[in-house]
Protein backbone atom coordinates (compact mmCIF):
# COMPACT_ATOMS: atom_id res chain seq x y z
CA UNK A 1 82.37 129.73 87.69
CA UNK A 2 83.16 128.02 91.01
CA UNK A 3 86.12 129.19 93.04
CA UNK A 4 88.72 126.76 94.34
CA UNK A 5 91.44 127.46 96.89
CA UNK A 6 94.46 125.24 97.48
CA UNK A 7 96.44 125.80 100.67
CA UNK A 8 99.87 124.27 100.20
CA UNK A 9 101.98 124.48 97.06
CA UNK A 10 104.09 121.36 97.46
CA UNK A 11 104.06 118.35 95.18
CA UNK A 12 100.37 117.56 95.74
CA UNK A 13 99.05 121.11 95.66
CA UNK A 14 100.97 122.19 92.59
CA UNK A 15 100.15 119.00 90.67
CA UNK A 16 96.50 119.33 91.65
CA UNK A 17 96.36 122.97 90.50
CA UNK A 18 97.69 122.05 87.07
CA UNK A 19 95.28 119.14 86.60
CA UNK A 20 92.16 121.08 87.65
CA UNK A 21 89.94 122.25 84.81
CA UNK A 22 90.41 125.99 84.45
CA UNK A 23 87.35 126.10 82.18
CA UNK A 24 85.22 125.04 85.16
CA UNK A 25 87.05 126.67 88.06
CA UNK A 26 88.79 129.83 89.13
CA UNK A 27 91.82 128.58 91.07
CA UNK A 28 93.94 130.23 93.75
CA UNK A 29 96.92 128.52 95.36
CA UNK A 30 98.35 129.81 98.67
CA UNK A 31 101.77 128.87 100.01
CA UNK A 32 104.13 130.74 102.31
CA UNK A 33 107.12 128.75 101.03
CA UNK A 34 108.51 128.03 104.49
CA UNK A 35 109.80 124.55 105.30
CA UNK A 36 108.20 122.92 102.31
CA UNK A 37 109.35 119.30 101.97
CA UNK A 38 109.11 119.17 98.16
CA UNK A 39 111.23 122.26 97.65
CA UNK A 40 113.97 120.74 99.80
CA UNK A 41 113.81 117.28 98.30
CA UNK A 42 115.31 115.25 95.51
CA UNK A 43 114.28 111.66 95.43
CA UNK A 44 114.43 108.24 93.92
CA UNK A 45 111.30 107.02 92.12
CA UNK A 46 111.83 103.30 92.64
CA UNK A 47 109.49 101.85 95.28
CA UNK A 48 109.31 98.26 94.08
CA UNK A 49 111.77 96.62 96.46
CA UNK A 50 110.24 98.11 99.59
CA UNK A 51 109.29 95.46 102.12
CA UNK A 52 106.78 97.56 104.00
CA UNK A 53 103.86 95.37 105.02
CA UNK A 54 101.20 97.98 104.27
CA UNK A 55 99.72 96.64 101.03
CA UNK A 56 97.61 99.75 100.42
CA UNK A 57 100.69 101.96 100.68
CA UNK A 58 102.62 99.73 98.27
CA UNK A 59 99.78 99.82 95.74
CA UNK A 60 99.79 103.62 95.92
CA UNK A 61 103.58 103.79 95.59
CA UNK A 62 103.62 101.29 92.71
CA UNK A 63 100.90 103.18 90.84
CA UNK A 64 102.61 106.46 91.69
CA UNK A 65 105.79 105.32 89.97
CA UNK A 66 103.79 104.01 86.99
CA UNK A 67 102.12 107.44 86.69
CA UNK A 68 105.36 109.23 85.83
CA UNK A 69 105.32 108.70 82.04
CA UNK A 70 101.92 110.44 81.91
CA UNK A 71 103.19 113.18 84.21
CA UNK A 72 106.26 113.77 82.05
CA UNK A 73 104.12 113.96 78.90
CA UNK A 74 101.35 116.12 80.36
CA UNK A 75 103.72 118.70 81.85
CA UNK A 76 106.61 118.34 79.38
CA UNK A 77 109.14 117.64 82.13
CA UNK A 78 112.74 117.82 80.97
CA UNK A 79 115.51 115.55 82.21
CA UNK A 80 116.71 118.23 84.63
CA UNK A 81 113.39 117.71 86.46
CA UNK A 82 112.85 113.96 86.05
CA UNK A 83 115.14 111.40 84.48
CA UNK A 84 114.78 107.63 84.28
CA UNK A 85 118.37 106.46 84.52
CA UNK A 86 117.86 103.34 86.62
CA UNK A 87 118.43 102.51 90.27
CA UNK A 88 121.48 100.77 91.70
CA UNK A 89 120.83 99.01 95.01
CA UNK A 90 123.55 98.02 97.46
CA UNK A 91 123.16 95.25 99.99
CA UNK A 92 125.53 92.93 101.76
CA UNK A 93 126.70 90.15 99.44
CA UNK A 94 124.73 87.48 101.27
CA UNK A 95 121.51 89.52 100.88
CA UNK A 96 121.76 90.25 97.15
CA UNK A 97 120.53 86.84 95.97
CA UNK A 98 117.39 87.08 98.10
CA UNK A 99 116.81 90.65 96.91
CA UNK A 100 117.18 89.57 93.29
CA UNK A 101 114.61 86.81 93.77
CA UNK A 102 112.25 89.27 95.49
CA UNK A 103 112.65 91.72 92.59
CA UNK A 104 111.82 88.99 90.08
CA UNK A 105 108.60 88.25 91.94
CA UNK A 106 107.62 91.93 92.00
CA UNK A 107 108.37 92.20 88.27
CA UNK A 108 105.65 89.68 87.39
CA UNK A 109 102.86 92.27 87.75
CA UNK A 110 105.00 95.42 87.56
CA UNK A 111 106.46 95.75 84.05
CA UNK A 112 107.41 99.39 84.67
CA UNK A 113 110.30 98.10 86.79
CA UNK A 114 112.07 97.31 83.52
CA UNK A 115 114.98 94.90 83.60
CA UNK A 116 116.62 93.52 86.74
CA UNK A 117 120.36 93.12 86.42
CA UNK A 118 123.03 91.74 88.71
CA UNK A 119 126.10 93.97 88.57
CA UNK A 120 129.60 92.69 89.11
CA UNK A 121 132.08 94.89 90.97
CA UNK A 122 133.44 96.19 87.67
CA UNK A 123 129.98 96.80 86.22
CA UNK A 124 128.94 98.82 89.27
CA UNK A 125 131.91 101.16 88.85
CA UNK A 126 131.27 101.38 85.10
CA UNK A 127 127.65 102.42 85.76
CA UNK A 128 128.75 105.19 88.12
CA UNK A 129 132.51 105.87 88.29
CA UNK A 130 132.40 107.40 91.78
CA UNK A 131 131.36 104.08 93.32
CA UNK A 132 133.75 101.55 94.79
CA UNK A 133 133.83 98.17 93.06
CA UNK A 134 131.04 96.26 94.77
CA UNK A 135 128.32 93.86 93.68
CA UNK A 136 124.87 95.39 93.32
CA UNK A 137 121.50 95.15 91.60
CA UNK A 138 120.24 97.56 88.96
CA UNK A 139 116.56 98.22 88.20
CA UNK A 140 116.33 99.94 84.81
CA UNK A 141 112.92 101.54 85.47
CA UNK A 142 114.09 103.62 88.42
CA UNK A 143 114.16 107.40 88.11
CA UNK A 144 115.00 110.59 89.96
CA UNK A 145 112.95 113.72 90.56
CA UNK A 146 114.27 117.11 91.65
CA UNK A 147 111.50 118.49 93.86
CA UNK A 148 112.55 122.13 93.54
CA UNK A 149 112.86 121.97 89.76
CA UNK A 150 109.44 120.26 89.58
CA UNK A 151 107.75 123.01 91.57
CA UNK A 152 109.39 125.73 89.50
CA UNK A 153 108.23 124.08 86.26
CA UNK A 154 104.65 123.61 87.49
CA UNK A 155 104.47 127.15 88.87
CA UNK A 156 105.38 128.42 85.41
CA UNK A 157 102.66 126.26 83.85
CA UNK A 158 100.08 127.36 86.43
CA UNK A 159 100.71 131.03 85.77
CA UNK A 160 100.26 130.40 82.07
CA UNK A 161 96.84 128.89 82.80
CA UNK A 162 95.73 131.94 84.79
CA UNK A 163 95.98 130.27 88.20
CA UNK A 164 96.64 132.75 91.00
CA UNK A 165 99.75 131.88 93.05
CA UNK A 166 99.86 133.80 96.33
CA UNK A 167 102.93 133.57 98.54
CA UNK A 168 101.29 134.13 101.92
CA UNK A 169 100.39 132.28 105.06
CA UNK A 170 96.61 132.09 105.43
CA UNK A 171 94.00 130.73 107.82
CA UNK A 172 90.88 128.68 107.12
CA UNK A 173 87.47 129.20 108.71
CA UNK A 174 83.96 127.89 108.22
CA UNK A 175 81.21 130.48 108.62
CA UNK A 176 77.54 129.65 107.98
CA UNK A 177 78.65 126.49 106.12
CA UNK A 178 80.89 128.52 103.85
CA UNK A 179 84.66 128.01 103.56
CA UNK A 180 86.56 131.24 104.12
CA UNK A 181 90.27 132.00 103.62
CA UNK A 182 91.64 134.71 105.92
CA UNK A 183 94.65 136.68 104.72
CA UNK A 184 95.90 139.41 107.08
CA UNK A 185 92.39 140.52 107.96
CA UNK A 186 91.04 140.12 104.44
CA UNK A 187 88.61 137.29 103.74
CA UNK A 188 87.49 135.46 100.62
CA UNK A 189 84.80 132.79 100.27
CA UNK A 190 85.53 129.69 98.17
CA UNK A 191 83.25 126.94 96.91
CA UNK A 192 85.88 124.22 97.34
CA UNK A 193 89.03 124.22 99.47
CA UNK A 194 91.93 121.78 99.34
CA UNK A 195 94.40 121.67 102.23
CA UNK A 196 97.65 120.07 101.06
CA UNK A 197 100.04 121.82 103.42
CA UNK A 198 101.99 118.89 104.87
CA UNK A 199 102.16 118.87 108.67
CA UNK A 200 100.66 122.39 108.81
CA UNK A 201 97.31 120.76 108.07
CA UNK A 202 96.89 120.13 111.79
CA UNK A 203 96.81 123.84 112.69
CA UNK A 204 94.81 124.78 109.60
CA UNK A 205 91.97 122.38 110.40
CA UNK A 206 91.91 122.90 114.18
CA UNK A 207 89.70 126.06 114.02
CA UNK A 208 87.14 124.00 112.07
CA UNK A 209 86.95 121.50 114.91
CA UNK A 210 89.13 118.72 113.46
CA UNK A 211 92.03 116.90 115.09
CA UNK A 212 94.53 115.48 112.59
CA UNK A 213 96.89 112.57 113.21
CA UNK A 214 100.03 114.20 111.86
CA UNK A 215 103.50 115.13 113.07
CA UNK A 216 106.43 117.03 111.53
CA UNK A 217 109.86 115.56 110.85
CA UNK A 218 112.95 117.50 109.82
CA UNK A 219 114.96 116.32 106.83
CA UNK A 220 118.29 117.57 105.47
CA UNK A 221 120.08 116.84 102.19
CA UNK A 222 123.48 117.87 100.88
CA UNK A 223 123.66 119.34 97.37
CA UNK A 224 127.12 119.52 95.80
CA UNK A 225 127.64 121.70 92.74
CA UNK A 226 130.53 120.28 90.71
CA UNK A 227 131.81 121.40 87.32
CA UNK A 228 133.81 118.38 86.23
CA UNK A 229 131.48 115.39 86.58
CA UNK A 230 129.55 113.99 83.60
CA UNK A 231 126.59 112.95 85.75
CA UNK A 232 123.66 113.21 83.32
CA UNK A 233 123.15 109.48 82.70
CA UNK A 234 124.34 108.18 86.04
CA UNK A 235 121.83 106.02 87.94
CA UNK A 236 120.58 106.86 91.38
CA UNK A 237 121.95 104.72 94.19
CA UNK A 238 120.18 103.27 97.21
CA UNK A 239 123.05 102.91 99.65
CA UNK A 240 122.90 100.17 102.25
CA UNK A 241 121.75 102.32 105.16
CA UNK A 242 120.34 105.79 105.75
CA UNK A 243 121.57 107.91 102.84
CA UNK A 244 120.94 107.77 99.10
CA UNK A 245 123.20 109.10 96.33
CA UNK A 246 121.37 111.07 93.63
CA UNK A 247 123.29 112.54 90.67
CA UNK A 248 121.56 115.07 88.44
CA UNK A 249 122.65 116.97 85.34
CA UNK A 250 125.63 119.33 85.12
CA UNK A 251 127.51 117.66 87.96
CA UNK A 252 124.89 118.21 90.66
CA UNK A 253 125.20 115.52 93.34
CA UNK A 254 122.74 115.11 96.21
CA UNK A 255 123.19 112.95 99.29
CA UNK A 256 120.38 112.45 101.76
CA UNK A 257 118.31 112.56 103.64
CA UNK A 258 118.23 112.69 107.41
CA UNK A 259 115.14 111.75 109.43
CA UNK A 260 115.10 113.96 112.52
CA UNK A 261 111.99 113.48 114.63
CA UNK A 262 113.24 115.81 117.32
CA UNK A 263 113.94 118.53 114.72
CA UNK A 264 110.26 118.92 113.81
CA UNK A 265 109.84 122.46 112.37
CA UNK A 266 113.47 123.56 112.79
CA UNK A 267 114.96 124.55 109.42
CA UNK A 268 118.51 125.24 110.63
CA UNK A 269 121.20 123.40 108.63
CA UNK A 270 123.51 121.47 110.95
CA UNK A 271 127.05 120.18 110.86
CA UNK A 272 125.75 117.02 112.49
CA UNK A 273 123.63 116.29 109.42
CA UNK A 274 126.63 116.85 107.13
CA UNK A 275 128.78 114.55 109.22
CA UNK A 276 126.11 111.86 109.35
CA UNK A 277 125.34 111.86 105.62
CA UNK A 278 128.90 112.21 104.42
CA UNK A 279 130.37 109.62 106.78
CA UNK A 280 127.81 107.11 105.51
CA UNK A 281 128.11 107.93 101.82
CA UNK A 282 131.91 107.86 101.68
CA UNK A 283 131.90 104.17 102.61
CA UNK A 284 130.62 103.51 99.09
CA UNK A 285 132.72 106.05 97.16
CA UNK A 286 136.11 105.84 95.52
CA UNK A 287 138.87 107.89 97.13
CA UNK A 288 139.77 110.67 96.64
CA UNK A 289 136.25 112.03 96.89
CA UNK A 290 136.39 114.26 93.85
CA UNK A 291 133.40 116.42 94.71
CA UNK A 292 133.64 116.79 98.50
CA UNK A 293 135.40 120.18 98.25
CA UNK A 294 132.97 121.51 95.65
CA UNK A 295 130.55 124.25 96.73
CA UNK A 296 127.54 122.73 98.46
CA UNK A 297 124.21 123.75 99.92
CA UNK A 298 121.88 122.24 102.46
CA UNK A 299 118.30 121.52 101.52
CA UNK A 300 116.15 121.51 104.66
CA UNK A 301 112.43 120.78 104.86
CA UNK A 302 109.68 119.36 107.04
CA UNK A 303 107.95 116.09 106.20
CA UNK A 304 104.52 115.03 107.42
CA UNK A 305 103.95 111.64 109.05
CA UNK A 306 100.87 109.90 110.38
CA UNK A 307 101.14 107.45 113.26
CA UNK A 308 101.01 104.48 110.87
CA UNK A 309 103.33 106.15 108.30
CA UNK A 310 100.63 106.07 105.61
CA UNK A 311 99.18 109.03 103.67
CA UNK A 312 95.53 110.08 103.50
CA UNK A 313 93.58 112.15 100.97
CA UNK A 314 89.98 112.98 100.14
CA UNK A 315 86.99 114.81 101.65
CA UNK A 316 87.13 115.31 105.41
CA UNK A 317 83.40 114.58 105.46
CA UNK A 318 80.97 113.64 102.66
CA UNK A 319 79.82 116.62 100.56
CA UNK A 320 81.82 119.03 102.72
CA UNK A 321 83.69 120.62 99.77
CA UNK A 322 86.75 120.50 102.04
CA UNK A 323 89.38 118.11 100.74
CA UNK A 324 92.75 117.28 102.23
CA UNK A 325 95.96 115.35 101.60
CA UNK A 326 98.93 114.80 103.88
CA UNK A 327 101.12 112.23 105.60
CA UNK A 328 103.36 111.44 102.64
CA UNK A 329 106.47 110.97 104.76
CA UNK A 330 109.59 110.12 102.78
CA UNK A 331 107.65 108.77 99.77
CA UNK A 332 106.18 112.13 98.77
CA UNK A 333 107.95 112.47 95.43
CA UNK A 334 106.69 109.04 94.39
CA UNK A 335 103.06 109.23 95.50
CA UNK A 336 102.40 113.00 95.56
CA UNK A 337 101.81 113.55 91.83
CA UNK A 338 99.32 110.67 91.61
CA UNK A 339 97.43 111.94 94.67
CA UNK A 340 97.22 115.42 93.14
CA UNK A 341 95.88 113.92 89.92
CA UNK A 342 93.28 111.79 91.74
CA UNK A 343 92.02 114.78 93.70
CA UNK A 344 91.66 116.76 90.48
CA UNK A 345 89.76 113.87 88.88
CA UNK A 346 87.32 113.87 91.79
CA UNK A 347 86.46 117.54 91.34
CA UNK A 348 86.68 117.67 87.55
CA UNK A 349 84.73 114.51 86.79
CA UNK A 350 83.41 113.02 90.05
CA UNK A 351 85.73 110.00 89.71
CA UNK A 352 86.83 108.58 93.07
CA UNK A 353 88.02 105.01 93.64
CA UNK A 354 90.77 105.09 96.25
CA UNK A 355 89.85 102.46 98.84
CA UNK A 356 92.68 100.25 97.58
CA UNK A 357 95.15 103.03 98.38
CA UNK A 358 94.28 104.06 101.95
CA UNK A 359 92.31 103.53 105.12
CA UNK A 360 89.10 105.53 105.63
CA UNK A 361 90.00 109.16 106.15
CA UNK A 362 88.36 109.20 109.57
CA UNK A 363 91.26 107.01 110.69
CA UNK A 364 93.37 110.19 110.55
CA UNK A 365 90.93 113.10 110.99
CA UNK A 366 88.51 113.25 113.93
CA UNK A 367 85.75 115.78 114.48
CA UNK A 368 86.23 117.18 117.98
CA UNK A 369 83.54 119.88 118.09
CA UNK A 370 80.88 121.57 115.99
CA UNK A 371 81.88 124.88 114.39
CA UNK A 372 79.30 127.27 112.94
């Protein structure tokens, strides 16, 4: 039985582990749990109104959102992990008509968007009582994913399948054309290695002679724990600006996230992030802000970005048995599960058709020297 190692237990790595065929492979997943973007995230699965010009990225994001019904069924995800409650989108009044027309065009070949509805001021407040009366659009197919809850669910499933989950920081080497994982002086040879460790991929691949186009970005969210809000069926809200408003079950309300390029690997929660997110969100909320004084936590993580803001995934070189995925940026919860599934399909069945999703991988990973 071939041995597979996965370095990085975020949304790609954990999804990949659970889709790999445990009848064919002995699987070990390594993750030190520090700064992981998925663990810190909660996001909106509703990419259809993005106006990014990168058509390959949009195809990946669109198919990533369409993949969620299969994901929910395969892994039996409850509504505390993923819930399709629709997306409310705020824009200035003079921009809503154009956005509605754009949404109707996208709907033509994207039925998973569901219905597109113009909301009056009263209908917006009825959909989510914390919102000020304001015109908006609602996309019924939009959903929300709690990254931490997703990882916890998939870790439980992985353990049940006999997958080894090791909470350690490791190094990767290539010796005599063999892939070796180093763990505090101990070494283990693997037949196939996946590196799905976000921005840490740069340092992991450097000893093998690769330079990776990747950079870290700090992100912070606010998580309020209320006891009085009936938030289960509330839609997620794309506010007109930097922050989004994401209600989950049992009164859990998340606001975020920041995009702090200068923060890089720093995981320190900051008052500045609180002030920035709250000052923006309150412009859309009814006073008094009934949950502001509830207990809250920061979620802080590190995203991975390429220079063109697009992800990459696949073999670093043909027949190398070294596969990678990174650069998800702020769309990781939407595209990460599909990427994990596609990587598993490549190893399980040899299926690999991803040119419509990304540039050639050598656009992001360059061989700088020969390592033996």
